[in-house]
Amino acid sequence: MTTREIRLGLDVGAVPGEVLDVFQGDTVRVTGTYHYQGPAVSGIKFKAVIGTRHLGTGEFGFDSIIEKERSFNQPVQAAPGQDFNISVDIPVTTAISDGVYDLYCRITNIPGEPEVLSLDVADTIRVVVAAEFRNLRVVSFDKI
């Protein structure tokens, strides 16, 4: 398996268009899946990031607002390789404000290899800071 094939195999696993509503103090569990074939490797890092991406604004990149990283060891995996899942929990802190944010994950610290990035999942985390009432309507009325 080439490095390029590994890179394309990293996936956040979120459904495009799906939005997760969270409050400050909540925790978001991000699970990534990737395909691996190769020798055992230790000390690899998996990081999930919530923030804002810059597409169509003349800038390219991703502004990380909250993130969490964990180390893991990848066992040896002979051809044809295998799919693996890995998770990390991101605490939703006061560092992030009301809004809708993007999400992506990465694998780093791979000896002799570049980092592996997932595609970002746009507009998938909605942080609600203030209490919010919506869609109030009359559902019935009766004589009592």
N, C-alpha and C. Protein backbone atom coordinates (compact mmCIF):
# COMPACT_ATOMS: atom_id res chain seq x y z
N MET A 1 0.84 -1.18 0.00
CA MET A 1 0.00 0.00 0.00
C MET A 1 0.88 1.23 0.00
N THR A 2 0.55 2.20 -0.80
CA THR A 2 1.33 3.42 -0.85
C THR A 2 0.85 4.41 0.21
N THR A 3 1.68 5.39 0.50
CA THR A 3 1.31 6.44 1.44
C THR A 3 0.04 7.14 0.97
N ARG A 4 -0.08 7.37 -0.32
CA ARG A 4 -1.27 8.03 -0.85
C ARG A 4 -2.52 7.24 -0.53
N GLU A 5 -2.48 5.94 -0.67
CA GLU A 5 -3.65 5.12 -0.37
C GLU A 5 -4.01 5.20 1.11
N ILE A 6 -3.03 5.23 1.97
CA ILE A 6 -3.30 5.39 3.40
C ILE A 6 -3.96 6.73 3.64
N ARG A 7 -3.45 7.78 3.03
CA ARG A 7 -3.99 9.12 3.23
C ARG A 7 -5.46 9.18 2.83
N LEU A 8 -5.80 8.56 1.72
CA LEU A 8 -7.18 8.60 1.27
C LEU A 8 -8.09 7.75 2.14
N GLY A 9 -7.53 6.85 2.93
CA GLY A 9 -8.35 5.97 3.75
C GLY A 9 -8.82 6.59 5.06
N LEU A 10 -8.27 7.73 5.48
CA LEU A 10 -8.68 8.34 6.75
C LEU A 10 -9.99 9.06 6.56
N ASP A 11 -10.96 8.74 7.39
CA ASP A 11 -12.30 9.28 7.23
C ASP A 11 -12.90 9.58 8.59
N VAL A 12 -13.52 10.73 8.73
CA VAL A 12 -14.17 11.10 9.99
C VAL A 12 -15.40 10.24 10.22
N GLY A 13 -16.08 9.83 9.17
CA GLY A 13 -17.24 8.98 9.32
C GLY A 13 -18.53 9.73 9.59
N ALA A 14 -18.52 11.05 9.57
CA ALA A 14 -19.73 11.83 9.78
C ALA A 14 -20.51 11.89 8.48
N VAL A 15 -21.81 12.02 8.61
CA VAL A 15 -22.67 12.10 7.45
C VAL A 15 -22.77 13.56 7.01
N PRO A 16 -22.44 13.89 5.76
CA PRO A 16 -22.58 15.27 5.30
C PRO A 16 -24.00 15.76 5.52
N GLY A 17 -24.14 16.96 6.04
CA GLY A 17 -25.45 17.53 6.31
C GLY A 17 -25.95 17.26 7.72
N GLU A 18 -25.35 16.31 8.42
CA GLU A 18 -25.73 16.00 9.79
C GLU A 18 -25.09 17.03 10.72
N VAL A 19 -25.88 17.58 11.65
CA VAL A 19 -25.38 18.57 12.59
C VAL A 19 -25.57 18.06 14.01
N LEU A 20 -24.52 18.14 14.81
CA LEU A 20 -24.57 17.74 16.21
C LEU A 20 -24.62 19.00 17.06
N ASP A 21 -25.71 19.18 17.81
CA ASP A 21 -25.85 20.32 18.71
C ASP A 21 -25.17 20.00 20.04
N VAL A 22 -24.29 20.90 20.48
CA VAL A 22 -23.58 20.71 21.75
C VAL A 22 -23.57 22.03 22.53
N PHE A 23 -23.38 21.91 23.84
CA PHE A 23 -23.25 23.06 24.73
C PHE A 23 -21.84 23.07 25.29
N GLN A 24 -21.40 24.24 25.74
CA GLN A 24 -20.13 24.29 26.45
C GLN A 24 -20.26 23.38 27.67
N GLY A 25 -19.24 22.57 27.90
CA GLY A 25 -19.28 21.59 28.98
C GLY A 25 -19.57 20.19 28.47
N ASP A 26 -20.12 20.06 27.26
CA ASP A 26 -20.34 18.75 26.65
C ASP A 26 -19.02 18.20 26.13
N THR A 27 -19.04 16.96 25.72
CA THR A 27 -17.88 16.32 25.11
C THR A 27 -18.32 15.71 23.78
N VAL A 28 -17.52 15.92 22.74
CA VAL A 28 -17.79 15.35 21.42
C VAL A 28 -16.81 14.20 21.20
N ARG A 29 -17.32 13.01 20.96
CA ARG A 29 -16.46 11.87 20.61
C ARG A 29 -16.34 11.80 19.09
N VAL A 30 -15.12 11.92 18.59
CA VAL A 30 -14.85 11.85 17.16
C VAL A 30 -14.16 10.52 16.88
N THR A 31 -14.75 9.75 15.96
CA THR A 31 -14.16 8.48 15.56
C THR A 31 -13.74 8.57 14.11
N GLY A 32 -12.50 8.22 13.86
CA GLY A 32 -11.97 8.18 12.50
C GLY A 32 -11.75 6.73 12.11
N THR A 33 -11.79 6.45 10.83
CA THR A 33 -11.49 5.12 10.34
C THR A 33 -10.40 5.25 9.27
N TYR A 34 -9.51 4.28 9.23
CA TYR A 34 -8.43 4.32 8.25
C TYR A 34 -8.05 2.89 7.88
N HIS A 35 -7.42 2.75 6.73
CA HIS A 35 -6.94 1.46 6.24
C HIS A 35 -5.43 1.43 6.43
N TYR A 36 -4.93 0.33 6.98
CA TYR A 36 -3.48 0.25 7.21
C TYR A 36 -2.94 -1.10 6.77
N GLN A 37 -1.75 -1.03 6.17
CA GLN A 37 -0.97 -2.22 5.84
C GLN A 37 0.48 -1.84 6.06
N GLY A 38 1.21 -2.64 6.84
CA GLY A 38 2.62 -2.35 7.05
C GLY A 38 3.10 -2.88 8.39
N PRO A 39 4.32 -2.47 8.77
CA PRO A 39 4.92 -2.94 10.01
C PRO A 39 4.27 -2.29 11.24
N ALA A 40 4.54 -2.85 12.39
CA ALA A 40 4.06 -2.25 13.65
C ALA A 40 4.75 -0.90 13.83
N VAL A 41 4.00 0.09 14.33
CA VAL A 41 4.53 1.42 14.56
C VAL A 41 3.99 1.90 15.91
N SER A 42 4.86 2.47 16.73
CA SER A 42 4.40 2.96 18.03
C SER A 42 4.54 4.47 18.11
N GLY A 43 3.77 5.07 19.02
CA GLY A 43 3.85 6.51 19.25
C GLY A 43 3.17 7.37 18.22
N ILE A 44 2.28 6.78 17.42
CA ILE A 44 1.52 7.56 16.43
C ILE A 44 0.50 8.41 17.19
N LYS A 45 0.12 9.54 16.61
CA LYS A 45 -0.86 10.42 17.26
C LYS A 45 -2.09 10.60 16.37
N PHE A 46 -3.25 10.52 17.01
CA PHE A 46 -4.52 10.78 16.34
C PHE A 46 -5.09 12.05 16.95
N LYS A 47 -5.45 13.01 16.11
CA LYS A 47 -5.98 14.29 16.58
C LYS A 47 -7.27 14.60 15.85
N ALA A 48 -8.27 15.06 16.60
CA ALA A 48 -9.51 15.55 16.01
C ALA A 48 -9.60 17.04 16.31
N VAL A 49 -10.10 17.80 15.34
CA VAL A 49 -10.09 19.27 15.42
C VAL A 49 -11.46 19.82 15.04
N ILE A 50 -11.96 20.73 15.87
CA ILE A 50 -13.18 21.48 15.56
C ILE A 50 -12.77 22.93 15.35
N GLY A 51 -13.22 23.51 14.24
CA GLY A 51 -12.84 24.88 13.93
C GLY A 51 -13.53 25.37 12.69
N THR A 52 -12.84 26.24 11.97
CA THR A 52 -13.41 26.87 10.78
C THR A 52 -12.46 26.68 9.61
N ARG A 53 -12.98 26.18 8.51
CA ARG A 53 -12.15 26.03 7.31
C ARG A 53 -12.30 27.26 6.44
N HIS A 54 -11.31 27.49 5.61
CA HIS A 54 -11.30 28.64 4.70
C HIS A 54 -11.33 28.15 3.27
N LEU A 55 -12.50 28.01 2.73
CA LEU A 55 -12.64 27.64 1.33
C LEU A 55 -13.49 28.70 0.65
N GLY A 56 -13.09 29.12 -0.50
CA GLY A 56 -13.85 30.12 -1.24
C GLY A 56 -13.67 31.53 -0.71
N THR A 57 -12.73 31.74 0.21
CA THR A 57 -12.52 33.08 0.76
C THR A 57 -11.19 33.65 0.31
N GLY A 58 -10.51 32.95 -0.56
CA GLY A 58 -9.19 33.39 -0.99
C GLY A 58 -8.09 32.83 -0.10
N GLU A 59 -8.47 32.32 1.06
CA GLU A 59 -7.50 31.68 1.96
C GLU A 59 -7.70 30.19 1.89
N PHE A 60 -6.67 29.46 2.20
CA PHE A 60 -6.80 28.01 2.32
C PHE A 60 -6.28 27.61 3.68
N GLY A 61 -7.02 26.80 4.37
CA GLY A 61 -6.57 26.34 5.66
C GLY A 61 -7.71 26.06 6.60
N PHE A 62 -7.34 25.85 7.85
CA PHE A 62 -8.32 25.48 8.86
C PHE A 62 -7.88 26.13 10.16
N ASP A 63 -8.75 26.94 10.75
CA ASP A 63 -8.47 27.54 12.05
C ASP A 63 -8.99 26.61 13.14
N SER A 64 -8.07 26.01 13.86
CA SER A 64 -8.42 25.13 14.96
C SER A 64 -8.89 25.96 16.15
N ILE A 65 -10.02 25.59 16.74
CA ILE A 65 -10.51 26.28 17.92
C ILE A 65 -10.40 25.36 19.14
N ILE A 66 -10.92 24.14 19.02
CA ILE A 66 -10.72 23.15 20.08
C ILE A 66 -10.28 21.84 19.42
N GLU A 67 -9.43 21.12 20.10
CA GLU A 67 -8.90 19.87 19.54
C GLU A 67 -8.46 18.96 20.67
N LYS A 68 -8.29 17.71 20.34
CA LYS A 68 -7.80 16.73 21.31
C LYS A 68 -6.96 15.71 20.55
N GLU A 69 -5.91 15.25 21.20
CA GLU A 69 -4.97 14.32 20.57
C GLU A 69 -4.71 13.16 21.52
N ARG A 70 -4.48 11.99 20.94
CA ARG A 70 -4.07 10.83 21.74
C ARG A 70 -3.04 10.01 20.97
N SER A 71 -2.18 9.35 21.71
CA SER A 71 -1.17 8.48 21.10
C SER A 71 -1.72 7.06 21.01
N PHE A 72 -1.24 6.33 20.01
CA PHE A 72 -1.62 4.92 19.90
C PHE A 72 -0.52 4.16 19.18
N ASN A 73 -0.57 2.86 19.29
CA ASN A 73 0.37 1.97 18.62
C ASN A 73 -0.38 1.20 17.55
N GLN A 74 0.21 1.15 16.36
CA GLN A 74 -0.41 0.43 15.25
C GLN A 74 0.24 -0.94 15.14
N PRO A 75 -0.54 -2.03 15.31
CA PRO A 75 0.05 -3.36 15.17
C PRO A 75 0.40 -3.66 13.71
N VAL A 76 1.28 -4.62 13.52
CA VAL A 76 1.65 -5.05 12.17
C VAL A 76 0.40 -5.53 11.45
N GLN A 77 0.32 -5.22 10.19
CA GLN A 77 -0.82 -5.66 9.39
C GLN A 77 -0.33 -6.06 8.01
N ALA A 78 -0.41 -7.35 7.72
CA ALA A 78 0.05 -7.87 6.43
C ALA A 78 -0.98 -7.57 5.34
N ALA A 79 -0.53 -7.75 4.09
CA ALA A 79 -1.42 -7.53 2.94
C ALA A 79 -2.64 -8.43 3.07
N PRO A 80 -3.78 -8.02 2.72
CA PRO A 80 -4.13 -6.80 2.00
C PRO A 80 -4.44 -5.62 2.91
N GLY A 81 -4.10 -5.70 4.16
CA GLY A 81 -4.38 -4.60 5.08
C GLY A 81 -5.73 -4.77 5.75
N GLN A 82 -6.04 -3.81 6.62
CA GLN A 82 -7.27 -3.90 7.41
C GLN A 82 -7.74 -2.49 7.75
N ASP A 83 -9.04 -2.35 7.97
CA ASP A 83 -9.60 -1.08 8.41
C ASP A 83 -9.58 -1.04 9.93
N PHE A 84 -9.27 0.13 10.48
CA PHE A 84 -9.21 0.35 11.92
C PHE A 84 -10.01 1.60 12.26
N ASN A 85 -10.58 1.62 13.46
CA ASN A 85 -11.25 2.80 13.99
C ASN A 85 -10.47 3.31 15.17
N ILE A 86 -10.50 4.62 15.38
CA ILE A 86 -9.87 5.23 16.54
C ILE A 86 -10.70 6.44 16.94
N SER A 87 -10.82 6.65 18.25
CA SER A 87 -11.65 7.75 18.76
C SER A 87 -10.87 8.63 19.71
N VAL A 88 -11.35 9.86 19.83
CA VAL A 88 -10.84 10.79 20.81
C VAL A 88 -12.01 11.66 21.26
N ASP A 89 -12.00 12.03 22.53
CA ASP A 89 -13.06 12.87 23.09
C ASP A 89 -12.58 14.31 23.21
N ILE A 90 -13.34 15.23 22.62
CA ILE A 90 -13.00 16.66 22.65
C ILE A 90 -13.95 17.36 23.62
N PRO A 91 -13.43 17.90 24.73
CA PRO A 91 -14.28 18.71 25.61
C PRO A 91 -14.65 20.03 24.92
N VAL A 92 -15.92 20.40 24.98
CA VAL A 92 -16.38 21.67 24.40
C VAL A 92 -16.21 22.72 25.49
N THR A 93 -15.19 23.55 25.33
CA THR A 93 -14.81 24.52 26.36
C THR A 93 -15.33 25.91 26.01
N THR A 94 -15.07 26.86 26.88
CA THR A 94 -15.45 28.25 26.63
C THR A 94 -14.57 28.90 25.57
N ALA A 95 -13.59 28.17 25.05
CA ALA A 95 -12.74 28.70 23.96
C ALA A 95 -13.53 28.82 22.65
N ILE A 96 -14.69 28.15 22.58
CA ILE A 96 -15.49 28.18 21.36
C ILE A 96 -16.81 28.88 21.67
N SER A 97 -17.28 29.68 20.72
CA SER A 97 -18.49 30.46 20.94
C SER A 97 -19.65 29.91 20.11
N ASP A 98 -20.82 30.54 20.25
CA ASP A 98 -21.99 30.18 19.45
C ASP A 98 -21.60 30.09 17.98
N GLY A 99 -22.09 29.08 17.30
CA GLY A 99 -21.85 28.99 15.86
C GLY A 99 -21.84 27.57 15.37
N VAL A 100 -21.69 27.45 14.08
CA VAL A 100 -21.61 26.15 13.42
C VAL A 100 -20.19 25.98 12.91
N TYR A 101 -19.60 24.83 13.20
CA TYR A 101 -18.17 24.62 12.95
C TYR A 101 -17.93 23.36 12.12
N ASP A 102 -16.72 23.30 11.59
CA ASP A 102 -16.27 22.19 10.77
C ASP A 102 -15.42 21.25 11.63
N LEU A 103 -15.17 20.06 11.10
CA LEU A 103 -14.46 19.02 11.83
C LEU A 103 -13.56 18.25 10.89
N TYR A 104 -12.37 17.91 11.36
CA TYR A 104 -11.52 16.98 10.61
C TYR A 104 -10.61 16.27 11.60
N CYS A 105 -9.92 15.23 11.12
CA CYS A 105 -8.97 14.53 11.97
C CYS A 105 -7.69 14.25 11.20
N ARG A 106 -6.64 13.91 11.95
CA ARG A 106 -5.34 13.65 11.33
C ARG A 106 -4.59 12.60 12.14
N ILE A 107 -3.69 11.92 11.46
CA ILE A 107 -2.75 11.00 12.11
C ILE A 107 -1.36 11.57 11.84
N THR A 108 -0.58 11.76 12.92
CA THR A 108 0.75 12.34 12.81
C THR A 108 1.76 11.46 13.53
N ASN A 109 3.01 11.90 13.46
CA ASN A 109 4.12 11.22 14.13
C ASN A 109 4.36 9.82 13.56
N ILE A 110 4.17 9.69 12.25
CA ILE A 110 4.40 8.43 11.55
C ILE A 110 5.84 8.45 11.06
N PRO A 111 6.70 7.57 11.56
CA PRO A 111 8.11 7.61 11.17
C PRO A 111 8.29 7.53 9.65
N GLY A 112 8.98 8.53 9.10
CA GLY A 112 9.31 8.54 7.68
C GLY A 112 8.15 8.83 6.75
N GLU A 113 6.99 9.21 7.28
CA GLU A 113 5.82 9.47 6.45
C GLU A 113 5.23 10.83 6.78
N PRO A 114 4.55 11.46 5.82
CA PRO A 114 3.85 12.71 6.12
C PRO A 114 2.61 12.42 6.95
N GLU A 115 2.05 13.46 7.54
CA GLU A 115 0.81 13.25 8.29
C GLU A 115 -0.32 12.86 7.34
N VAL A 116 -1.32 12.19 7.89
CA VAL A 116 -2.46 11.71 7.14
C VAL A 116 -3.67 12.53 7.57
N LEU A 117 -4.35 13.16 6.62
CA LEU A 117 -5.48 14.04 6.93
C LEU A 117 -6.77 13.50 6.37
N SER A 118 -7.85 13.66 7.13
CA SER A 118 -9.17 13.37 6.58
C SER A 118 -9.66 14.58 5.80
N LEU A 119 -10.68 14.39 5.03
CA LEU A 119 -11.39 15.53 4.47
C LEU A 119 -12.12 16.20 5.63
N ASP A 120 -12.37 17.52 5.54
CA ASP A 120 -13.16 18.10 6.62
C ASP A 120 -14.63 17.90 6.34
N VAL A 121 -15.37 17.84 7.45
CA VAL A 121 -16.82 17.72 7.38
C VAL A 121 -17.36 19.10 7.72
N ALA A 122 -17.95 19.76 6.74
CA ALA A 122 -18.38 21.15 6.89
C ALA A 122 -19.66 21.27 7.69
N ASP A 123 -19.73 22.32 8.49
CA ASP A 123 -20.96 22.71 9.19
C ASP A 123 -21.60 21.53 9.93
N THR A 124 -20.82 20.86 10.75
CA THR A 124 -21.33 19.65 11.39
C THR A 124 -21.46 19.74 12.91
N ILE A 125 -20.79 20.69 13.56
CA ILE A 125 -20.88 20.87 15.01
C ILE A 125 -21.51 22.24 15.27
N ARG A 126 -22.66 22.25 15.93
CA ARG A 126 -23.33 23.51 16.27
C ARG A 126 -23.21 23.72 17.77
N VAL A 127 -22.49 24.78 18.16
CA VAL A 127 -22.29 25.10 19.57
C VAL A 127 -23.35 26.14 19.96
N VAL A 128 -24.10 25.80 21.01
CA VAL A 128 -25.13 26.69 21.54
C VAL A 128 -24.66 27.13 22.92
N VAL A 129 -24.42 28.43 23.08
CA VAL A 129 -23.92 28.95 24.35
C VAL A 129 -25.06 29.44 25.23
N ALA A 130 -25.98 30.20 24.65
CA ALA A 130 -27.09 30.76 25.43
C ALA A 130 -28.31 29.84 25.32
N ALA A 131 -29.18 29.93 26.33
CA ALA A 131 -30.44 29.20 26.27
C ALA A 131 -31.20 29.66 25.04
N GLU A 132 -31.90 28.75 24.42
CA GLU A 132 -32.55 29.07 23.16
C GLU A 132 -33.92 28.39 23.11
N PHE A 133 -34.95 29.17 22.88
CA PHE A 133 -36.29 28.63 22.66
C PHE A 133 -36.61 28.87 21.20
N ARG A 134 -37.17 27.85 20.52
CA ARG A 134 -37.52 27.98 19.12
C ARG A 134 -38.87 27.32 18.86
N ASN A 135 -39.48 27.71 17.78
CA ASN A 135 -40.66 27.03 17.25
C ASN A 135 -41.83 26.96 18.23
N LEU A 136 -42.04 28.01 19.01
CA LEU A 136 -43.19 28.05 19.90
C LEU A 136 -44.45 28.20 19.07
N ARG A 137 -45.44 27.36 19.34
CA ARG A 137 -46.70 27.43 18.61
C ARG A 137 -47.81 26.87 19.48
N VAL A 138 -49.01 27.23 19.17
CA VAL A 138 -50.17 26.69 19.85
C VAL A 138 -50.43 25.29 19.31
N VAL A 139 -50.56 24.33 20.19
CA VAL A 139 -50.83 22.97 19.75
C VAL A 139 -52.24 22.53 20.04
N SER A 140 -52.92 23.21 20.99
CA SER A 140 -54.33 22.91 21.26
C SER A 140 -54.95 24.00 22.11
N PHE A 141 -56.23 24.00 22.13
CA PHE A 141 -56.97 24.87 23.04
C PHE A 141 -58.30 24.20 23.31
N ASP A 142 -58.77 24.31 24.58
CA ASP A 142 -59.98 23.64 25.02
C ASP A 142 -60.76 24.52 25.97
N LYS A 143 -62.05 24.27 26.05
CA LYS A 143 -62.87 24.92 27.07
C LYS A 143 -62.76 24.07 28.33
N ILE A 144 -62.49 24.74 29.45
CA ILE A 144 -62.36 23.97 30.71
C ILE A 144 -63.36 24.45 31.76
